[in-house]
Amino acid sequence: MPSNSQRKHTISNKVRKRRGKDIDQIHEDLKPSKAAKLLNQEIDLDLPGDGQFYCIECERYFVDEKTRADHRKTK
C-alpha cells in the first residue's frame, strides 16, 4: 500500500493555477481613476458576461450582476 509521506508538501492546484493579486496591486486598482476604467470596460465576447461584470479586488469576471453582488457579499 502506498503511503502519503511523499505528498505532504505539494502545492494545491488552486495556488498553482491562479495566483491572486498582492495588496499593493489591489490598492492601486481601487483608486477612483483606475477603478472607473476597470468597471466600465469595452465589451469583450471572450470574457464571461462580455467583460461587463468585473470584481476589482480579486480580478475576476462574472456572468451577471447578481452573481457579482453575491460574490461581493462574501468579501
PDB file of N, CA and C in Angstrom:
ATOM      1  N   MET A   1       0.837  -1.190   0.000  1.00  0.00           N
ATOM      2  CA  MET A   1       0.000   0.000   0.000  1.00  0.00           C
ATOM      3  C   MET A   1       0.877   1.247   0.000  1.00  0.00           C
ATOM      4  N   PRO A   2       0.535   2.220  -0.828  1.00  0.00           N
ATOM      5  CA  PRO A   2       1.344   3.444  -0.852  1.00  0.00           C
ATOM      6  C   PRO A   2       1.060   4.315   0.375  1.00  0.00           C
ATOM      7  N   SER A   3       2.074   4.995   0.782  1.00  0.00           N
ATOM      8  CA  SER A   3       1.889   5.912   1.906  1.00  0.00           C
ATOM      9  C   SER A   3       1.782   7.338   1.390  1.00  0.00           C
ATOM     10  N   ASN A   4       1.268   8.210   2.211  1.00  0.00           N
ATOM     11  CA  ASN A   4       1.098   9.611   1.833  1.00  0.00           C
ATOM     12  C   ASN A   4       2.289  10.475   2.233  1.00  0.00           C
ATOM     13  N   SER A   5       3.376   9.859   2.637  1.00  0.00           N
ATOM     14  CA  SER A   5       4.504  10.643   3.119  1.00  0.00           C
ATOM     15  C   SER A   5       5.134  11.499   2.022  1.00  0.00           C
ATOM     16  N   GLN A   6       4.971  11.120   0.774  1.00  0.00           N
ATOM     17  CA  GLN A   6       5.582  11.888  -0.299  1.00  0.00           C
ATOM     18  C   GLN A   6       4.699  13.037  -0.758  1.00  0.00           C
ATOM     19  N   ARG A   7       3.440  13.080  -0.356  1.00  0.00           N
ATOM     20  CA  ARG A   7       2.514  14.101  -0.840  1.00  0.00           C
ATOM     21  C   ARG A   7       2.255  15.215   0.173  1.00  0.00           C
ATOM     22  N   LYS A   8       2.954  15.260   1.244  1.00  0.00           N
ATOM     23  CA  LYS A   8       2.630  16.211   2.303  1.00  0.00           C
ATOM     24  C   LYS A   8       2.997  17.651   1.966  1.00  0.00           C
ATOM     25  N   HIS A   9       3.951  17.856   1.128  1.00  0.00           N
ATOM     26  CA  HIS A   9       4.443  19.212   0.902  1.00  0.00           C
ATOM     27  C   HIS A   9       4.167  19.725  -0.505  1.00  0.00           C
ATOM     28  N   THR A  10       3.165  19.204  -1.157  1.00  0.00           N
ATOM     29  CA  THR A  10       2.863  19.684  -2.500  1.00  0.00           C
ATOM     30  C   THR A  10       1.977  20.925  -2.433  1.00  0.00           C
ATOM     31  N   ILE A  11       2.040  21.720  -3.468  1.00  0.00           N
ATOM     32  CA  ILE A  11       1.231  22.933  -3.556  1.00  0.00           C
ATOM     33  C   ILE A  11      -0.121  22.564  -4.142  1.00  0.00           C
ATOM     34  N   SER A  12      -1.181  23.121  -3.586  1.00  0.00           N
ATOM     35  CA  SER A  12      -2.508  22.809  -4.100  1.00  0.00           C
ATOM     36  C   SER A  12      -2.679  23.380  -5.502  1.00  0.00           C
ATOM     37  N   ASN A  13      -3.565  22.787  -6.269  1.00  0.00           N
ATOM     38  CA  ASN A  13      -3.804  23.248  -7.634  1.00  0.00           C
ATOM     39  C   ASN A  13      -4.361  24.660  -7.657  1.00  0.00           C
ATOM     40  N   LYS A  14      -5.140  25.045  -6.651  1.00  0.00           N
ATOM     41  CA  LYS A  14      -5.706  26.388  -6.604  1.00  0.00           C
ATOM     42  C   LYS A  14      -4.596  27.440  -6.557  1.00  0.00           C
ATOM     43  N   VAL A  15      -3.586  27.200  -5.772  1.00  0.00           N
ATOM     44  CA  VAL A  15      -2.482  28.144  -5.639  1.00  0.00           C
ATOM     45  C   VAL A  15      -1.639  28.152  -6.906  1.00  0.00           C
ATOM     46  N   ARG A  16      -1.448  27.023  -7.488  1.00  0.00           N
ATOM     47  CA  ARG A  16      -0.578  26.901  -8.646  1.00  0.00           C
ATOM     48  C   ARG A  16      -1.193  27.524  -9.900  1.00  0.00           C
ATOM     49  N   LYS A  17      -2.486  27.371 -10.110  1.00  0.00           N
ATOM     50  CA  LYS A  17      -3.104  27.789 -11.359  1.00  0.00           C
ATOM     51  C   LYS A  17      -3.446  29.273 -11.416  1.00  0.00           C
ATOM     52  N   ARG A  18      -3.942  29.863 -10.332  1.00  0.00           N
ATOM     53  CA  ARG A  18      -4.401  31.247 -10.391  1.00  0.00           C
ATOM     54  C   ARG A  18      -3.953  31.996  -9.138  1.00  0.00           C
ATOM     55  N   ARG A  19      -2.860  32.689  -9.246  1.00  0.00           N
ATOM     56  CA  ARG A  19      -2.343  33.449  -8.121  1.00  0.00           C
ATOM     57  C   ARG A  19      -3.126  34.748  -7.989  1.00  0.00           C
ATOM     58  N   GLY A  20      -3.479  35.112  -6.766  1.00  0.00           N
ATOM     59  CA  GLY A  20      -4.220  36.341  -6.527  1.00  0.00           C
ATOM     60  C   GLY A  20      -3.329  37.566  -6.583  1.00  0.00           C
ATOM     61  N   LYS A  21      -3.952  38.717  -6.531  1.00  0.00           N
ATOM     62  CA  LYS A  21      -3.212  39.970  -6.574  1.00  0.00           C
ATOM     63  C   LYS A  21      -2.672  40.300  -5.184  1.00  0.00           C
ATOM     64  N   ASP A  22      -1.560  41.003  -5.161  1.00  0.00           N
ATOM     65  CA  ASP A  22      -0.999  41.465  -3.901  1.00  0.00           C
ATOM     66  C   ASP A  22      -1.763  42.692  -3.426  1.00  0.00           C
ATOM     67  N   ILE A  23      -1.612  43.018  -2.154  1.00  0.00           N
ATOM     68  CA  ILE A  23      -2.386  44.098  -1.541  1.00  0.00           C
ATOM     69  C   ILE A  23      -2.055  45.449  -2.177  1.00  0.00           C
ATOM     70  N   ASP A  24      -0.810  45.665  -2.576  1.00  0.00           N
ATOM     71  CA  ASP A  24      -0.473  46.945  -3.202  1.00  0.00           C
ATOM     72  C   ASP A  24      -1.089  47.068  -4.597  1.00  0.00           C
ATOM     73  N   GLN A  25      -1.239  45.959  -5.313  1.00  0.00           N
ATOM     74  CA  GLN A  25      -1.898  45.993  -6.618  1.00  0.00           C
ATOM     75  C   GLN A  25      -3.388  46.282  -6.465  1.00  0.00           C
ATOM     76  N   ILE A  26      -4.012  45.699  -5.453  1.00  0.00           N
ATOM     77  CA  ILE A  26      -5.432  45.945  -5.193  1.00  0.00           C
ATOM     78  C   ILE A  26      -5.638  47.407  -4.819  1.00  0.00           C
ATOM     79  N   HIS A  27      -4.769  47.927  -3.957  1.00  0.00           N
ATOM     80  CA  HIS A  27      -4.873  49.320  -3.525  1.00  0.00           C
ATOM     81  C   HIS A  27      -4.730  50.272  -4.716  1.00  0.00           C
ATOM     82  N   GLU A  28      -3.835  49.956  -5.622  1.00  0.00           N
ATOM     83  CA  GLU A  28      -3.645  50.779  -6.826  1.00  0.00           C
ATOM     84  C   GLU A  28      -4.890  50.739  -7.716  1.00  0.00           C
ATOM     85  N   ASP A  29      -5.519  49.567  -7.839  1.00  0.00           N
ATOM     86  CA  ASP A  29      -6.716  49.431  -8.681  1.00  0.00           C
ATOM     87  C   ASP A  29      -7.941  50.102  -8.075  1.00  0.00           C
ATOM     88  N   LEU A  30      -7.959  50.305  -6.769  1.00  0.00           N
ATOM     89  CA  LEU A  30      -9.112  50.912  -6.113  1.00  0.00           C
ATOM     90  C   LEU A  30      -9.115  52.435  -6.195  1.00  0.00           C
ATOM     91  N   LYS A  31      -8.060  53.033  -6.705  1.00  0.00           N
ATOM     92  CA  LYS A  31      -8.055  54.485  -6.881  1.00  0.00           C
ATOM     93  C   LYS A  31      -9.149  54.863  -7.872  1.00  0.00           C
ATOM     94  N   PRO A  32      -9.840  55.983  -7.638  1.00  0.00           N
ATOM     95  CA  PRO A  32     -11.029  56.320  -8.436  1.00  0.00           C
ATOM     96  C   PRO A  32     -10.812  56.344  -9.949  1.00  0.00           C
ATOM     97  N   SER A  33      -9.700  56.866 -10.402  1.00  0.00           N
ATOM     98  CA  SER A  33      -9.494  56.954 -11.855  1.00  0.00           C
ATOM     99  C   SER A  33      -9.338  55.572 -12.489  1.00  0.00           C
ATOM    100  N   LYS A  34      -8.588  54.708 -11.831  1.00  0.00           N
ATOM    101  CA  LYS A  34      -8.373  53.370 -12.382  1.00  0.00           C
ATOM    102  C   LYS A  34      -9.589  52.474 -12.160  1.00  0.00           C
ATOM    103  N   ALA A  35     -10.291  52.642 -11.033  1.00  0.00           N
ATOM    104  CA  ALA A  35     -11.477  51.827 -10.755  1.00  0.00           C
ATOM    105  C   ALA A  35     -12.573  52.091 -11.778  1.00  0.00           C
ATOM    106  N   ALA A  36     -12.772  53.345 -12.141  1.00  0.00           N
ATOM    107  CA  ALA A  36     -13.794  53.670 -13.140  1.00  0.00           C
ATOM    108  C   ALA A  36     -13.447  53.042 -14.485  1.00  0.00           C
ATOM    109  N   LYS A  37     -12.182  53.033 -14.811  1.00  0.00           N
ATOM    110  CA  LYS A  37     -11.745  52.438 -16.073  1.00  0.00           C
ATOM    111  C   LYS A  37     -11.961  50.918 -16.072  1.00  0.00           C
ATOM    112  N   LEU A  38     -11.694  50.266 -14.928  1.00  0.00           N
ATOM    113  CA  LEU A  38     -11.858  48.815 -14.848  1.00  0.00           C
ATOM    114  C   LEU A  38     -13.325  48.400 -14.830  1.00  0.00           C
ATOM    115  N   LEU A  39     -14.175  49.205 -14.208  1.00  0.00           N
ATOM    116  CA  LEU A  39     -15.590  48.841 -14.113  1.00  0.00           C
ATOM    117  C   LEU A  39     -16.359  49.140 -15.397  1.00  0.00           C
ATOM    118  N   ASN A  40     -15.878  50.048 -16.217  1.00  0.00           N
ATOM    119  CA  ASN A  40     -16.557  50.410 -17.468  1.00  0.00           C
ATOM    120  C   ASN A  40     -15.703  50.012 -18.666  1.00  0.00           C
ATOM    121  N   GLN A  41     -15.470  48.731 -18.807  1.00  0.00           N
ATOM    122  CA  GLN A  41     -14.639  48.234 -19.898  1.00  0.00           C
ATOM    123  C   GLN A  41     -15.457  48.040 -21.162  1.00  0.00           C
ATOM    124  N   GLU A  42     -14.750  47.953 -22.269  1.00  0.00           N
ATOM    125  CA  GLU A  42     -15.404  47.667 -23.543  1.00  0.00           C
ATOM    126  C   GLU A  42     -15.912  46.228 -23.540  1.00  0.00           C
ATOM    127  N   ILE A  43     -16.882  45.945 -24.390  1.00  0.00           N
ATOM    128  CA  ILE A  43     -17.438  44.600 -24.484  1.00  0.00           C
ATOM    129  C   ILE A  43     -16.413  43.678 -25.138  1.00  0.00           C
ATOM    130  N   ASP A  44     -16.149  42.564 -24.459  1.00  0.00           N
ATOM    131  CA  ASP A  44     -15.233  41.552 -24.966  1.00  0.00           C
ATOM    132  C   ASP A  44     -15.967  40.217 -24.931  1.00  0.00           C
ATOM    133  N   LEU A  45     -16.302  39.683 -26.070  1.00  0.00           N
ATOM    134  CA  LEU A  45     -17.124  38.477 -26.150  1.00  0.00           C
ATOM    135  C   LEU A  45     -16.415  37.224 -25.645  1.00  0.00           C
ATOM    136  N   ASP A  46     -15.112  37.281 -25.458  1.00  0.00           N
ATOM    137  CA  ASP A  46     -14.375  36.120 -24.974  1.00  0.00           C
ATOM    138  C   ASP A  46     -14.431  35.980 -23.456  1.00  0.00           C
ATOM    139  N   LEU A  47     -14.814  37.028 -22.747  1.00  0.00           N
ATOM    140  CA  LEU A  47     -14.861  37.002 -21.287  1.00  0.00           C
ATOM    141  C   LEU A  47     -16.266  36.659 -20.799  1.00  0.00           C
ATOM    142  N   PRO A  48     -16.381  36.107 -19.576  1.00  0.00           N
ATOM    143  CA  PRO A  48     -17.713  35.851 -19.017  1.00  0.00           C
ATOM    144  C   PRO A  48     -18.492  37.147 -18.862  1.00  0.00           C
ATOM    145  N   GLY A  49     -19.762  37.124 -19.208  1.00  0.00           N
ATOM    146  CA  GLY A  49     -20.598  38.317 -19.108  1.00  0.00           C
ATOM    147  C   GLY A  49     -20.151  39.423 -20.039  1.00  0.00           C
ATOM    148  N   ASP A  50     -19.475  39.068 -21.103  1.00  0.00           N
ATOM    149  CA  ASP A  50     -18.945  40.022 -22.089  1.00  0.00           C
ATOM    150  C   ASP A  50     -18.000  41.045 -21.459  1.00  0.00           C
ATOM    151  N   GLY A  51     -17.395  40.711 -20.320  1.00  0.00           N
ATOM    152  CA  GLY A  51     -16.430  41.595 -19.679  1.00  0.00           C
ATOM    153  C   GLY A  51     -17.040  42.777 -18.958  1.00  0.00           C
ATOM    154  N   GLN A  52     -18.336  42.744 -18.665  1.00  0.00           N
ATOM    155  CA  GLN A  52     -19.009  43.895 -18.060  1.00  0.00           C
ATOM    156  C   GLN A  52     -19.133  43.801 -16.542  1.00  0.00           C
ATOM    157  N   PHE A  53     -18.946  42.638 -15.958  1.00  0.00           N
ATOM    158  CA  PHE A  53     -19.145  42.447 -14.519  1.00  0.00           C
ATOM    159  C   PHE A  53     -17.825  41.984 -13.909  1.00  0.00           C
ATOM    160  N   TYR A  54     -17.025  42.945 -13.458  1.00  0.00           N
ATOM    161  CA  TYR A  54     -15.656  42.711 -13.013  1.00  0.00           C
ATOM    162  C   TYR A  54     -15.534  42.992 -11.523  1.00  0.00           C
ATOM    163  N   CYS A  55     -14.842  42.117 -10.809  1.00  0.00           N
ATOM    164  CA  CYS A  55     -14.545  42.342  -9.391  1.00  0.00           C
ATOM    165  C   CYS A  55     -13.105  42.849  -9.305  1.00  0.00           C
ATOM    166  N   ILE A  56     -12.938  44.056  -8.815  1.00  0.00           N
ATOM    167  CA  ILE A  56     -11.612  44.677  -8.759  1.00  0.00           C
ATOM    168  C   ILE A  56     -10.715  43.969  -7.748  1.00  0.00           C
ATOM    169  N   GLU A  57     -11.272  43.591  -6.604  1.00  0.00           N
ATOM    170  CA  GLU A  57     -10.461  43.035  -5.530  1.00  0.00           C
ATOM    171  C   GLU A  57      -9.799  41.712  -5.906  1.00  0.00           C
ATOM    172  N   CYS A  58     -10.516  40.852  -6.629  1.00  0.00           N
ATOM    173  CA  CYS A  58      -9.941  39.536  -6.919  1.00  0.00           C
ATOM    174  C   CYS A  58      -9.674  39.305  -8.398  1.00  0.00           C
ATOM    175  N   GLU A  59      -9.894  40.320  -9.235  1.00  0.00           N
ATOM    176  CA  GLU A  59      -9.542  40.266 -10.650  1.00  0.00           C
ATOM    177  C   GLU A  59     -10.275  39.124 -11.362  1.00  0.00           C
ATOM    178  N   ARG A  60     -11.601  39.081 -11.192  1.00  0.00           N
ATOM    179  CA  ARG A  60     -12.425  38.050 -11.830  1.00  0.00           C
ATOM    180  C   ARG A  60     -13.586  38.693 -12.563  1.00  0.00           C
ATOM    181  N   TYR A  61     -14.017  38.038 -13.618  1.00  0.00           N
ATOM    182  CA  TYR A  61     -15.194  38.455 -14.369  1.00  0.00           C
ATOM    183  C   TYR A  61     -16.338  37.518 -14.018  1.00  0.00           C
ATOM    184  N   PHE A  62     -17.566  38.068 -13.944  1.00  0.00           N
ATOM    185  CA  PHE A  62     -18.740  37.278 -13.602  1.00  0.00           C
ATOM    186  C   PHE A  62     -19.757  37.332 -14.729  1.00  0.00           C
ATOM    187  N   VAL A  63     -20.670  36.363 -14.721  1.00  0.00           N
ATOM    188  CA  VAL A  63     -21.645  36.215 -15.794  1.00  0.00           C
ATOM    189  C   VAL A  63     -22.674  37.333 -15.772  1.00  0.00           C
ATOM    190  N   ASP A  64     -23.148  37.718 -14.569  1.00  0.00           N
ATOM    191  CA  ASP A  64     -24.157  38.771 -14.477  1.00  0.00           C
ATOM    192  C   ASP A  64     -23.987  39.541 -13.172  1.00  0.00           C
ATOM    193  N   GLU A  65     -24.780  40.583 -13.013  1.00  0.00           N
ATOM    194  CA  GLU A  65     -24.675  41.464 -11.841  1.00  0.00           C
ATOM    195  C   GLU A  65     -25.065  40.739 -10.557  1.00  0.00           C
ATOM    196  N   LYS A  66     -26.039  39.846 -10.615  1.00  0.00           N
ATOM    197  CA  LYS A  66     -26.471  39.112  -9.424  1.00  0.00           C
ATOM    198  C   LYS A  66     -25.335  38.241  -8.886  1.00  0.00           C
ATOM    199  N   THR A  67     -24.635  37.581  -9.769  1.00  0.00           N
ATOM    200  CA  THR A  67     -23.516  36.735  -9.359  1.00  0.00           C
ATOM    201  C   THR A  67     -22.403  37.579  -8.742  1.00  0.00           C
ATOM    202  N   ARG A  68     -22.117  38.725  -9.328  1.00  0.00           N
ATOM    203  CA  ARG A  68     -21.087  39.601  -8.766  1.00  0.00           C
ATOM    204  C   ARG A  68     -21.521  40.155  -7.416  1.00  0.00           C
ATOM    205  N   ALA A  69     -22.809  40.500  -7.263  1.00  0.00           N
ATOM    206  CA  ALA A  69     -23.306  41.011  -5.985  1.00  0.00           C
ATOM    207  C   ALA A  69     -23.225  39.931  -4.906  1.00  0.00           C
ATOM    208  N   ASP A  70     -23.567  38.695  -5.252  1.00  0.00           N
ATOM    209  CA  ASP A  70     -23.446  37.593  -4.293  1.00  0.00           C
ATOM    210  C   ASP A  70     -21.992  37.373  -3.903  1.00  0.00           C
ATOM    211  N   HIS A  71     -21.100  37.512  -4.851  1.00  0.00           N
ATOM    212  CA  HIS A  71     -19.671  37.358  -4.586  1.00  0.00           C
ATOM    213  C   HIS A  71     -19.169  38.463  -3.649  1.00  0.00           C
ATOM    214  N   ARG A  72     -19.619  39.692  -3.863  1.00  0.00           N
ATOM    215  CA  ARG A  72     -19.161  40.817  -3.040  1.00  0.00           C
ATOM    216  C   ARG A  72     -19.669  40.725  -1.608  1.00  0.00           C
ATOM    217  N   LYS A  73     -20.797  40.038  -1.381  1.00  0.00           N
ATOM    218  CA  LYS A  73     -21.293  39.854  -0.014  1.00  0.00           C
ATOM    219  C   LYS A  73     -20.310  39.054   0.827  1.00  0.00           C
ATOM    220  N   THR A  74     -19.572  38.150   0.205  1.00  0.00           N
ATOM    221  CA  THR A  74     -18.641  37.301   0.941  1.00  0.00           C
ATOM    222  C   THR A  74     -17.279  37.949   1.122  1.00  0.00           C
ATOM    223  N   LYS A  75     -17.041  39.099   0.517  1.00  0.00           N
ATOM    224  CA  LYS A  75     -15.743  39.769   0.638  1.00  0.00           C
ATOM    225  C   LYS A  75     -15.639  40.493   1.955  1.00  0.00           C
TER     226      LYS A  75
END
